Amino acid sequence: MKRIAMLIVAAALWSGATPLFAASITYTEVVTATGTLGLSNFTNALVTLVVSGNTNNVVNVGPGLFRSGAGSATVNISGLGTANFTSDVQAVSNQLNLVGGIADFTSGLGILLTSNPAFATYALQTSLAAASGPALANTSTSFSTTAGNFTLNSFSGNSTFSATLLTSSVPEPASVTMLLASIVGLSILHLRRKRI
């Protein structure tokens, strides 16, 4: 009876040991806009917001509402350069409202969002091809960066959101541990069987 119980436990461990992968992911939001970065004004310039994160850090904060978790975020203004956001800036996806984009969780405001039906099922853990649609933002609101405050005042056309998984995925430590524990358990079972 004891042997059967050990075999069941080992089989359960083995079947549950499918490695999960934590992958680096980059979320990008692009729009042509007018606004300011620090003391510099820009007009109809290409604005690129980038959030780099990890799929393991994605949090489901409510029904159909996801945020990317900890990571780094930058803004690039064509002709002005790149600055790092100094607050908690993350990617977001709101499946119920069909929007996704980049938001500042320190202020609780969206910096730039895109409205597109692709967000109905998107949970920030996979790649997403360019999803374009109407740009939504808290215009005339300042967000802090290393180059001074960043403000969007108006847009020319749609914004585009995309997400790219980096190819080098690393197994989660818990999955590797579970796999090793199941191998050790099966080895012990095998050795005990040989002695009997």
N, C-alpha and C. Protein backbone atom coordinates (compact mmCIF):
# COMPACT_ATOMS: atom_id res chain seq x y z
N MET A 1 0.83 -1.20 0.00
CA MET A 1 0.00 0.00 0.00
C MET A 1 0.87 1.26 0.00
N LYS A 2 1.96 1.20 0.80
CA LYS A 2 2.86 2.35 0.89
C LYS A 2 3.50 2.63 -0.47
N ARG A 3 3.85 1.55 -1.17
CA ARG A 3 4.46 1.69 -2.48
C ARG A 3 3.52 2.35 -3.48
N ILE A 4 2.27 1.97 -3.43
CA ILE A 4 1.28 2.55 -4.34
C ILE A 4 1.12 4.04 -4.06
N ALA A 5 1.07 4.39 -2.78
CA ALA A 5 0.94 5.81 -2.41
C ALA A 5 2.14 6.61 -2.91
N MET A 6 3.35 6.04 -2.74
CA MET A 6 4.56 6.74 -3.21
C MET A 6 4.54 6.87 -4.73
N LEU A 7 4.07 5.85 -5.41
CA LEU A 7 4.00 5.90 -6.86
C LEU A 7 3.02 6.97 -7.33
N ILE A 8 1.89 7.09 -6.64
CA ILE A 8 0.90 8.11 -6.98
C ILE A 8 1.47 9.50 -6.76
N VAL A 9 2.17 9.71 -5.63
CA VAL A 9 2.78 11.01 -5.35
C VAL A 9 3.83 11.35 -6.40
N ALA A 10 4.68 10.36 -6.75
CA ALA A 10 5.73 10.59 -7.75
C ALA A 10 5.10 10.92 -9.11
N ALA A 11 4.04 10.21 -9.47
CA ALA A 11 3.39 10.47 -10.75
C ALA A 11 2.76 11.86 -10.76
N ALA A 12 2.17 12.25 -9.64
CA ALA A 12 1.57 13.58 -9.56
C ALA A 12 2.64 14.66 -9.69
N LEU A 13 3.77 14.46 -9.01
CA LEU A 13 4.87 15.42 -9.13
C LEU A 13 5.38 15.48 -10.56
N TRP A 14 5.54 14.31 -11.17
CA TRP A 14 6.06 14.27 -12.53
C TRP A 14 5.11 14.95 -13.50
N SER A 15 3.82 14.70 -13.37
CA SER A 15 2.87 15.29 -14.32
C SER A 15 2.75 16.79 -14.12
N GLY A 16 2.98 17.27 -12.91
CA GLY A 16 2.88 18.70 -12.65
C GLY A 16 4.17 19.45 -12.89
N ALA A 17 5.19 18.76 -13.36
CA ALA A 17 6.50 19.38 -13.51
C ALA A 17 6.74 19.98 -14.88
N THR A 18 5.69 20.24 -15.62
CA THR A 18 5.85 20.92 -16.90
C THR A 18 6.48 22.28 -16.65
N PRO A 19 7.65 22.55 -17.22
CA PRO A 19 8.30 23.81 -16.91
C PRO A 19 7.48 25.01 -17.39
N LEU A 20 7.34 25.98 -16.51
CA LEU A 20 6.76 27.25 -16.89
C LEU A 20 7.91 28.18 -17.23
N PHE A 21 7.70 29.09 -18.12
CA PHE A 21 8.78 29.95 -18.53
C PHE A 21 8.48 31.41 -18.22
N ALA A 22 9.47 32.04 -17.65
CA ALA A 22 9.39 33.47 -17.42
C ALA A 22 10.18 34.12 -18.55
N ALA A 23 9.52 34.99 -19.28
CA ALA A 23 10.17 35.59 -20.45
C ALA A 23 10.21 37.10 -20.34
N SER A 24 11.28 37.68 -20.83
CA SER A 24 11.35 39.13 -20.93
C SER A 24 10.42 39.57 -22.05
N ILE A 25 9.78 40.71 -21.84
CA ILE A 25 8.83 41.21 -22.83
C ILE A 25 8.96 42.72 -22.92
N THR A 26 8.81 43.23 -24.13
CA THR A 26 8.87 44.68 -24.36
C THR A 26 7.55 45.14 -24.94
N TYR A 27 6.94 46.12 -24.27
CA TYR A 27 5.68 46.73 -24.73
C TYR A 27 6.03 48.07 -25.34
N THR A 28 5.50 48.35 -26.53
CA THR A 28 5.82 49.59 -27.24
C THR A 28 4.53 50.28 -27.67
N GLU A 29 4.48 51.59 -27.45
CA GLU A 29 3.34 52.40 -27.87
C GLU A 29 3.90 53.55 -28.71
N VAL A 30 3.37 53.75 -29.92
CA VAL A 30 3.88 54.76 -30.84
C VAL A 30 2.73 55.65 -31.31
N VAL A 31 3.00 56.97 -31.39
CA VAL A 31 2.02 57.92 -31.88
C VAL A 31 2.74 59.15 -32.41
N THR A 32 2.13 59.84 -33.33
CA THR A 32 2.63 61.14 -33.76
C THR A 32 1.87 62.18 -32.93
N ALA A 33 2.64 63.02 -32.20
CA ALA A 33 1.99 63.90 -31.24
C ALA A 33 2.70 65.24 -31.11
N THR A 34 2.03 66.13 -30.42
CA THR A 34 2.57 67.44 -30.06
C THR A 34 2.57 67.53 -28.54
N GLY A 35 3.65 68.08 -27.97
CA GLY A 35 3.73 68.19 -26.52
C GLY A 35 5.06 68.77 -26.08
N THR A 36 5.48 68.42 -24.87
CA THR A 36 6.75 68.91 -24.33
C THR A 36 7.50 67.79 -23.63
N LEU A 37 8.83 67.92 -23.63
CA LEU A 37 9.71 67.07 -22.84
C LEU A 37 10.71 68.01 -22.18
N GLY A 38 10.57 68.16 -20.87
CA GLY A 38 11.41 69.13 -20.17
C GLY A 38 11.07 70.53 -20.67
N LEU A 39 12.09 71.27 -21.10
CA LEU A 39 11.88 72.63 -21.60
C LEU A 39 11.71 72.68 -23.11
N SER A 40 11.73 71.50 -23.77
CA SER A 40 11.64 71.45 -25.23
C SER A 40 10.24 71.11 -25.70
N ASN A 41 9.75 71.89 -26.65
CA ASN A 41 8.47 71.60 -27.29
C ASN A 41 8.70 70.73 -28.51
N PHE A 42 7.72 69.89 -28.85
CA PHE A 42 7.79 69.13 -30.10
C PHE A 42 6.42 69.20 -30.77
N THR A 43 6.43 69.20 -32.11
CA THR A 43 5.20 69.30 -32.89
C THR A 43 5.17 68.20 -33.93
N ASN A 44 4.10 67.43 -33.96
CA ASN A 44 3.94 66.32 -34.90
C ASN A 44 5.20 65.45 -34.97
N ALA A 45 5.73 65.10 -33.82
CA ALA A 45 6.93 64.25 -33.74
C ALA A 45 6.51 62.82 -33.41
N LEU A 46 7.32 61.87 -33.85
CA LEU A 46 7.08 60.47 -33.51
C LEU A 46 7.45 60.26 -32.05
N VAL A 47 6.49 59.83 -31.25
CA VAL A 47 6.68 59.58 -29.82
C VAL A 47 6.60 58.07 -29.60
N THR A 48 7.63 57.51 -28.96
CA THR A 48 7.67 56.07 -28.69
C THR A 48 7.83 55.85 -27.19
N LEU A 49 6.86 55.18 -26.59
CA LEU A 49 6.93 54.79 -25.18
C LEU A 49 7.27 53.30 -25.14
N VAL A 50 8.25 52.93 -24.29
CA VAL A 50 8.67 51.53 -24.19
C VAL A 50 8.70 51.12 -22.72
N VAL A 51 8.07 50.00 -22.41
CA VAL A 51 8.13 49.40 -21.08
C VAL A 51 8.75 48.02 -21.24
N SER A 52 9.83 47.76 -20.50
CA SER A 52 10.48 46.44 -20.51
C SER A 52 10.13 45.73 -19.22
N GLY A 53 9.71 44.49 -19.32
CA GLY A 53 9.30 43.76 -18.13
C GLY A 53 9.51 42.28 -18.28
N ASN A 54 8.79 41.52 -17.46
CA ASN A 54 8.89 40.07 -17.43
C ASN A 54 7.48 39.51 -17.31
N THR A 55 7.18 38.48 -18.06
CA THR A 55 5.83 37.91 -18.05
C THR A 55 5.44 37.38 -16.67
N ASN A 56 6.42 37.04 -15.85
CA ASN A 56 6.14 36.56 -14.49
C ASN A 56 5.58 37.66 -13.60
N ASN A 57 5.82 38.91 -13.94
CA ASN A 57 5.38 40.03 -13.10
C ASN A 57 4.00 40.56 -13.46
N VAL A 58 3.38 40.02 -14.50
CA VAL A 58 2.06 40.49 -14.91
C VAL A 58 1.05 40.17 -13.81
N VAL A 59 0.23 41.18 -13.48
CA VAL A 59 -0.75 41.03 -12.40
C VAL A 59 -2.16 41.26 -12.95
N ASN A 60 -3.07 40.34 -12.60
CA ASN A 60 -4.48 40.52 -12.92
C ASN A 60 -5.09 41.27 -11.74
N VAL A 61 -5.37 42.55 -11.92
CA VAL A 61 -5.84 43.39 -10.82
C VAL A 61 -7.36 43.47 -10.71
N GLY A 62 -8.04 42.82 -11.60
CA GLY A 62 -9.51 42.81 -11.58
C GLY A 62 -10.01 42.10 -12.81
N PRO A 63 -11.33 41.93 -12.94
CA PRO A 63 -11.87 41.23 -14.10
C PRO A 63 -11.42 41.89 -15.41
N GLY A 64 -10.60 41.18 -16.17
CA GLY A 64 -10.16 41.67 -17.48
C GLY A 64 -9.18 42.83 -17.44
N LEU A 65 -8.59 43.12 -16.28
CA LEU A 65 -7.67 44.25 -16.15
C LEU A 65 -6.29 43.74 -15.72
N PHE A 66 -5.28 43.99 -16.57
CA PHE A 66 -3.93 43.48 -16.33
C PHE A 66 -2.92 44.63 -16.34
N ARG A 67 -1.86 44.48 -15.53
CA ARG A 67 -0.74 45.43 -15.54
C ARG A 67 0.54 44.63 -15.56
N SER A 68 1.58 45.22 -16.17
CA SER A 68 2.82 44.46 -16.42
C SER A 68 3.70 44.26 -15.20
N GLY A 69 3.50 44.97 -14.13
CA GLY A 69 4.36 44.83 -12.96
C GLY A 69 5.67 45.58 -13.15
N ALA A 70 6.60 45.33 -12.24
CA ALA A 70 7.86 46.07 -12.21
C ALA A 70 8.62 45.94 -13.53
N GLY A 71 9.32 47.00 -13.87
CA GLY A 71 10.12 47.04 -15.09
C GLY A 71 10.68 48.43 -15.28
N SER A 72 11.23 48.68 -16.46
CA SER A 72 11.74 50.02 -16.75
C SER A 72 10.95 50.61 -17.90
N ALA A 73 10.87 51.94 -17.95
CA ALA A 73 10.08 52.60 -18.99
C ALA A 73 10.79 53.84 -19.50
N THR A 74 10.72 54.03 -20.82
CA THR A 74 11.35 55.19 -21.46
C THR A 74 10.38 55.86 -22.42
N VAL A 75 10.71 57.10 -22.75
CA VAL A 75 10.00 57.82 -23.80
C VAL A 75 11.06 58.34 -24.76
N ASN A 76 10.81 58.17 -26.06
CA ASN A 76 11.70 58.71 -27.09
C ASN A 76 10.89 59.65 -27.96
N ILE A 77 11.40 60.87 -28.12
CA ILE A 77 10.78 61.86 -28.99
C ILE A 77 11.73 62.06 -30.17
N SER A 78 11.24 61.79 -31.37
CA SER A 78 12.06 61.98 -32.56
C SER A 78 12.60 63.41 -32.59
N GLY A 79 13.91 63.54 -32.69
CA GLY A 79 14.55 64.85 -32.74
C GLY A 79 14.97 65.39 -31.39
N LEU A 80 14.43 64.83 -30.29
CA LEU A 80 14.80 65.29 -28.95
C LEU A 80 15.62 64.26 -28.17
N GLY A 81 15.36 62.98 -28.39
CA GLY A 81 16.10 61.95 -27.67
C GLY A 81 15.22 61.13 -26.73
N THR A 82 15.89 60.40 -25.83
CA THR A 82 15.22 59.44 -24.94
C THR A 82 15.39 59.86 -23.49
N ALA A 83 14.34 59.63 -22.70
CA ALA A 83 14.38 59.89 -21.26
C ALA A 83 13.73 58.71 -20.55
N ASN A 84 14.18 58.45 -19.33
CA ASN A 84 13.58 57.39 -18.50
C ASN A 84 12.48 57.98 -17.64
N PHE A 85 11.37 57.28 -17.53
CA PHE A 85 10.34 57.69 -16.59
C PHE A 85 10.86 57.46 -15.18
N THR A 86 10.55 58.36 -14.26
CA THR A 86 11.04 58.24 -12.89
C THR A 86 9.96 57.76 -11.93
N SER A 87 8.76 57.49 -12.43
CA SER A 87 7.68 56.96 -11.60
C SER A 87 7.37 55.53 -12.04
N ASP A 88 6.37 54.93 -11.42
CA ASP A 88 5.99 53.54 -11.69
C ASP A 88 5.16 53.46 -12.96
N VAL A 89 5.83 53.34 -14.10
CA VAL A 89 5.15 53.28 -15.40
C VAL A 89 5.11 51.83 -15.87
N GLN A 90 3.92 51.36 -16.25
CA GLN A 90 3.71 49.97 -16.65
C GLN A 90 2.80 49.89 -17.86
N ALA A 91 2.85 48.73 -18.51
CA ALA A 91 1.90 48.45 -19.59
C ALA A 91 0.59 47.99 -18.95
N VAL A 92 -0.53 48.28 -19.62
CA VAL A 92 -1.85 47.88 -19.12
C VAL A 92 -2.68 47.30 -20.26
N SER A 93 -3.62 46.43 -19.88
CA SER A 93 -4.61 45.93 -20.83
C SER A 93 -5.94 45.86 -20.11
N ASN A 94 -6.94 46.51 -20.68
CA ASN A 94 -8.29 46.49 -20.14
C ASN A 94 -9.17 45.78 -21.15
N GLN A 95 -9.42 44.48 -20.90
CA GLN A 95 -10.15 43.66 -21.85
C GLN A 95 -11.60 44.08 -22.00
N LEU A 96 -12.20 44.59 -20.94
CA LEU A 96 -13.61 44.97 -21.00
C LEU A 96 -13.83 46.24 -21.83
N ASN A 97 -12.89 47.17 -21.75
CA ASN A 97 -13.01 48.43 -22.51
C ASN A 97 -12.24 48.43 -23.82
N LEU A 98 -11.58 47.29 -24.14
CA LEU A 98 -10.85 47.12 -25.39
C LEU A 98 -9.74 48.16 -25.58
N VAL A 99 -9.01 48.46 -24.51
CA VAL A 99 -7.89 49.39 -24.58
C VAL A 99 -6.66 48.80 -23.92
N GLY A 100 -5.51 49.24 -24.38
CA GLY A 100 -4.24 48.85 -23.79
C GLY A 100 -3.23 49.93 -24.06
N GLY A 101 -2.17 49.94 -23.29
CA GLY A 101 -1.14 50.95 -23.51
C GLY A 101 -0.23 51.11 -22.33
N ILE A 102 0.20 52.34 -22.09
CA ILE A 102 1.19 52.65 -21.06
C ILE A 102 0.55 53.60 -20.05
N ALA A 103 0.70 53.28 -18.76
CA ALA A 103 0.09 54.09 -17.70
C ALA A 103 1.08 54.35 -16.58
N ASP A 104 0.85 55.43 -15.86
CA ASP A 104 1.67 55.80 -14.70
C ASP A 104 0.89 55.40 -13.44
N PHE A 105 1.38 54.39 -12.73
CA PHE A 105 0.67 53.90 -11.56
C PHE A 105 0.97 54.72 -10.31
N THR A 106 1.95 55.63 -10.39
CA THR A 106 2.18 56.55 -9.28
C THR A 106 1.03 57.56 -9.22
N SER A 107 0.64 58.08 -10.38
CA SER A 107 -0.45 59.05 -10.44
C SER A 107 -1.80 58.39 -10.70
N GLY A 108 -1.78 57.13 -11.17
CA GLY A 108 -3.02 56.44 -11.49
C GLY A 108 -3.63 56.88 -12.81
N LEU A 109 -2.81 57.45 -13.71
CA LEU A 109 -3.31 57.97 -14.98
C LEU A 109 -2.68 57.26 -16.18
N GLY A 110 -3.46 57.12 -17.24
CA GLY A 110 -2.92 56.60 -18.48
C GLY A 110 -2.08 57.66 -19.17
N ILE A 111 -0.89 57.27 -19.63
CA ILE A 111 -0.05 58.20 -20.39
C ILE A 111 -0.49 58.18 -21.84
N LEU A 112 -0.59 56.98 -22.41
CA LEU A 112 -1.04 56.80 -23.80
C LEU A 112 -1.66 55.43 -23.92
N LEU A 113 -2.89 55.37 -24.39
CA LEU A 113 -3.61 54.11 -24.57
C LEU A 113 -4.11 54.03 -26.01
N THR A 114 -4.31 52.81 -26.48
CA THR A 114 -4.84 52.56 -27.81
C THR A 114 -6.12 51.76 -27.68
N SER A 115 -7.14 52.15 -28.41
CA SER A 115 -8.40 51.42 -28.44
C SER A 115 -8.39 50.47 -29.64
N ASN A 116 -8.53 49.16 -29.36
CA ASN A 116 -8.50 48.16 -30.43
C ASN A 116 -9.14 46.87 -29.92
N PRO A 117 -9.95 46.18 -30.74
CA PRO A 117 -10.59 44.92 -30.32
C PRO A 117 -9.59 43.82 -29.92
N ALA A 118 -8.32 43.93 -30.33
CA ALA A 118 -7.32 42.91 -29.97
C ALA A 118 -7.14 42.82 -28.45
N PHE A 119 -7.48 43.88 -27.72
CA PHE A 119 -7.31 43.87 -26.27
C PHE A 119 -8.40 43.07 -25.55
N ALA A 120 -9.41 42.60 -26.27
CA ALA A 120 -10.49 41.81 -25.66
C ALA A 120 -9.97 40.53 -25.00
N THR A 121 -8.87 40.00 -25.51
CA THR A 121 -8.32 38.76 -24.96
C THR A 121 -6.85 38.89 -24.56
N TYR A 122 -6.29 40.07 -24.65
CA TYR A 122 -4.86 40.23 -24.39
C TYR A 122 -4.58 40.46 -22.90
N ALA A 123 -3.68 39.63 -22.34
CA ALA A 123 -3.36 39.67 -20.90
C ALA A 123 -1.89 40.00 -20.64
N LEU A 124 -1.19 40.65 -21.57
CA LEU A 124 0.18 41.15 -21.41
C LEU A 124 1.25 40.06 -21.26
N GLN A 125 0.93 38.80 -21.51
CA GLN A 125 1.91 37.73 -21.31
C GLN A 125 2.42 37.11 -22.60
N THR A 126 1.94 37.60 -23.73
CA THR A 126 2.36 37.07 -25.02
C THR A 126 2.70 38.23 -25.95
N SER A 127 3.30 37.88 -27.07
CA SER A 127 3.54 38.90 -28.09
C SER A 127 2.21 39.37 -28.65
N LEU A 128 2.18 40.60 -29.11
CA LEU A 128 0.99 41.15 -29.75
C LEU A 128 1.45 41.96 -30.95
N ALA A 129 0.96 41.58 -32.13
CA ALA A 129 1.30 42.33 -33.33
C ALA A 129 0.72 43.73 -33.21
N ALA A 130 1.17 44.62 -34.02
CA ALA A 130 0.74 46.03 -33.96
C ALA A 130 -0.77 46.15 -33.93
N ALA A 131 -1.29 46.71 -32.84
CA ALA A 131 -2.72 46.97 -32.68
C ALA A 131 -2.91 48.49 -32.73
N SER A 132 -3.48 48.97 -33.83
CA SER A 132 -3.66 50.41 -34.01
C SER A 132 -5.10 50.81 -33.77
N GLY A 133 -5.27 52.05 -33.33
CA GLY A 133 -6.61 52.56 -33.10
C GLY A 133 -6.55 53.97 -32.54
N PRO A 134 -7.70 54.51 -32.20
CA PRO A 134 -7.72 55.86 -31.65
C PRO A 134 -6.83 55.98 -30.40
N ALA A 135 -6.08 57.06 -30.34
CA ALA A 135 -5.21 57.32 -29.19
C ALA A 135 -6.02 57.94 -28.07
N LEU A 136 -5.80 57.45 -26.86
CA LEU A 136 -6.46 57.99 -25.67
C LEU A 136 -5.37 58.38 -24.69
N ALA A 137 -5.49 59.54 -24.08
CA ALA A 137 -4.46 59.98 -23.14
C ALA A 137 -5.00 61.06 -22.23
N ASN A 138 -4.28 61.28 -21.15
CA ASN A 138 -4.56 62.41 -20.27
C ASN A 138 -3.75 63.58 -20.79
N THR A 139 -4.28 64.25 -21.82
CA THR A 139 -3.55 65.35 -22.44
C THR A 139 -3.35 66.48 -21.44
N SER A 140 -2.25 67.19 -21.63
CA SER A 140 -1.84 68.32 -20.79
C SER A 140 -1.52 67.91 -19.36
N THR A 141 -1.33 66.59 -19.12
CA THR A 141 -0.91 66.10 -17.81
C THR A 141 0.57 65.77 -17.89
N SER A 142 1.33 66.19 -16.89
CA SER A 142 2.78 65.97 -16.90
C SER A 142 3.15 64.67 -16.18
N PHE A 143 4.12 63.96 -16.76
CA PHE A 143 4.67 62.74 -16.18
C PHE A 143 6.18 62.92 -16.04
N SER A 144 6.73 62.59 -14.89
CA SER A 144 8.15 62.90 -14.62
C SER A 144 9.09 61.93 -15.33
N THR A 145 10.17 62.51 -15.92
CA THR A 145 11.22 61.74 -16.57
C THR A 145 12.57 62.33 -16.17
N THR A 146 13.64 61.66 -16.57
CA THR A 146 14.99 62.15 -16.29
C THR A 146 15.33 63.40 -17.08
N ALA A 147 14.53 63.73 -18.10
CA ALA A 147 14.77 64.94 -18.91
C ALA A 147 13.77 66.05 -18.56
N GLY A 148 13.04 65.89 -17.47
CA GLY A 148 12.00 66.84 -17.10
C GLY A 148 10.63 66.25 -17.36
N ASN A 149 9.60 67.03 -17.17
CA ASN A 149 8.24 66.53 -17.34
C ASN A 149 7.92 66.27 -18.81
N PHE A 150 7.18 65.18 -19.03
CA PHE A 150 6.72 64.79 -20.37
C PHE A 150 5.23 65.02 -20.42
N THR A 151 4.78 65.75 -21.46
CA THR A 151 3.37 66.07 -21.62
C THR A 151 2.95 65.87 -23.06
N LEU A 152 1.82 65.20 -23.26
CA LEU A 152 1.21 65.09 -24.59
C LEU A 152 0.05 66.07 -24.64
N ASN A 153 0.00 66.88 -25.70
CA ASN A 153 -1.09 67.85 -25.84
C ASN A 153 -2.11 67.46 -26.90
N SER A 154 -1.64 66.85 -28.01
CA SER A 154 -2.55 66.45 -29.08
C SER A 154 -1.89 65.36 -29.93
N PHE A 155 -2.71 64.70 -30.76
CA PHE A 155 -2.25 63.60 -31.60
C PHE A 155 -2.58 63.86 -33.06
N SER A 156 -1.79 63.24 -33.94
CA SER A 156 -2.08 63.24 -35.37
C SER A 156 -2.29 61.79 -35.77
N GLY A 157 -3.50 61.35 -35.90
CA GLY A 157 -3.79 59.97 -36.30
C GLY A 157 -3.86 59.01 -35.11
N ASN A 158 -3.81 57.73 -35.45
CA ASN A 158 -3.94 56.67 -34.45
C ASN A 158 -2.64 56.40 -33.72
N SER A 159 -2.76 55.75 -32.58
CA SER A 159 -1.58 55.23 -31.88
C SER A 159 -1.51 53.73 -32.15
N THR A 160 -0.33 53.14 -31.92
CA THR A 160 -0.12 51.71 -32.16
C THR A 160 0.58 51.09 -30.97
N PHE A 161 0.00 50.00 -30.44
CA PHE A 161 0.58 49.25 -29.33
C PHE A 161 1.05 47.91 -29.86
N SER A 162 2.21 47.45 -29.38
CA SER A 162 2.69 46.11 -29.72
C SER A 162 3.47 45.55 -28.53
N ALA A 163 3.63 44.25 -28.51
CA ALA A 163 4.40 43.59 -27.46
C ALA A 163 5.26 42.51 -28.10
N THR A 164 6.51 42.42 -27.66
CA THR A 164 7.44 41.46 -28.23
C THR A 164 8.10 40.66 -27.12
N LEU A 165 7.91 39.34 -27.16
CA LEU A 165 8.60 38.44 -26.22
C LEU A 165 10.03 38.24 -26.71
N LEU A 166 10.98 38.30 -25.81
CA LEU A 166 12.35 38.00 -26.19
C LEU A 166 12.51 36.49 -26.23
N THR A 167 13.33 35.99 -27.13
CA THR A 167 13.39 34.55 -27.40
C THR A 167 14.06 33.72 -26.32
N SER A 168 14.90 34.28 -25.49
CA SER A 168 15.59 33.47 -24.49
C SER A 168 14.77 33.37 -23.21
N SER A 169 13.93 32.34 -23.16
CA SER A 169 13.10 32.11 -21.98
C SER A 169 13.87 31.27 -20.97
N VAL A 170 13.66 31.54 -19.70
CA VAL A 170 14.35 30.82 -18.63
C VAL A 170 13.29 30.16 -17.76
N PRO A 171 13.44 28.83 -17.47
CA PRO A 171 12.43 28.18 -16.64
C PRO A 171 12.37 28.80 -15.25
N GLU A 172 11.16 28.85 -14.70
CA GLU A 172 10.99 29.35 -13.35
C GLU A 172 11.71 28.42 -12.38
N PRO A 173 12.34 28.94 -11.33
CA PRO A 173 13.01 28.09 -10.35
C PRO A 173 12.08 27.07 -9.72
N ALA A 174 10.84 27.42 -9.45
CA ALA A 174 9.90 26.49 -8.82
C ALA A 174 9.61 25.30 -9.73
N SER A 175 9.51 25.52 -11.04
CA SER A 175 9.26 24.42 -11.97
C SER A 175 10.45 23.48 -12.04
N VAL A 176 11.65 24.05 -12.05
CA VAL A 176 12.86 23.22 -12.10
C VAL A 176 12.97 22.40 -10.81
N THR A 177 12.69 23.03 -9.68
CA THR A 177 12.73 22.32 -8.39
C THR A 177 11.73 21.18 -8.38
N MET A 178 10.53 21.42 -8.88
CA MET A 178 9.51 20.37 -8.92
C MET A 178 9.95 19.23 -9.82
N LEU A 179 10.54 19.54 -10.95
CA LEU A 179 11.02 18.51 -11.85
C LEU A 179 12.11 17.68 -11.19
N LEU A 180 13.07 18.32 -10.54
CA LEU A 180 14.14 17.59 -9.85
C LEU A 180 13.60 16.73 -8.72
N ALA A 181 12.64 17.26 -7.95
CA ALA A 181 12.05 16.50 -6.85
C ALA A 181 11.34 15.25 -7.37
N SER A 182 10.66 15.36 -8.49
CA SER A 182 9.97 14.19 -9.04
C SER A 182 10.97 13.15 -9.56
N ILE A 183 12.07 13.60 -10.14
CA ILE A 183 13.10 12.66 -10.60
C ILE A 183 13.72 11.93 -9.42
N VAL A 184 14.04 12.66 -8.34
CA VAL A 184 14.59 12.04 -7.14
C VAL A 184 13.59 11.05 -6.56
N GLY A 185 12.32 11.44 -6.50
CA GLY A 185 11.29 10.54 -5.98
C GLY A 185 11.18 9.27 -6.78
N LEU A 186 11.20 9.37 -8.09
CA LEU A 186 11.14 8.17 -8.93
C LEU A 186 12.39 7.31 -8.77
N SER A 187 13.54 7.94 -8.60
CA SER A 187 14.78 7.20 -8.39
C SER A 187 14.72 6.41 -7.08
N ILE A 188 14.24 7.03 -6.03
CA ILE A 188 14.10 6.35 -4.74
C ILE A 188 13.13 5.18 -4.86
N LEU A 189 12.03 5.40 -5.54
CA LEU A 189 11.08 4.30 -5.76
C LEU A 189 11.73 3.14 -6.49
N HIS A 190 12.49 3.46 -7.52
CA HIS A 190 13.16 2.44 -8.31
C HIS A 190 14.17 1.66 -7.46
N LEU A 191 14.96 2.35 -6.64
CA LEU A 191 15.94 1.68 -5.77
C LEU A 191 15.25 0.80 -4.74
N ARG A 192 14.17 1.24 -4.16
CA ARG A 192 13.44 0.42 -3.18
C ARG A 192 12.86 -0.81 -3.82
N ARG A 193 12.40 -0.70 -5.03
CA ARG A 193 11.83 -1.85 -5.74
C ARG A 193 12.90 -2.90 -6.00
N LYS A 194 14.11 -2.46 -6.33
CA LYS A 194 15.21 -3.39 -6.61
C LYS A 194 15.58 -4.19 -5.37
N ARG A 195 15.52 -3.57 -4.18
CA ARG A 195 15.89 -4.25 -2.93
C ARG A 195 14.88 -5.31 -2.53
N ILE A 196 13.65 -5.14 -2.93
CA ILE A 196 12.60 -6.08 -2.49
C ILE A 196 12.59 -7.31 -3.34
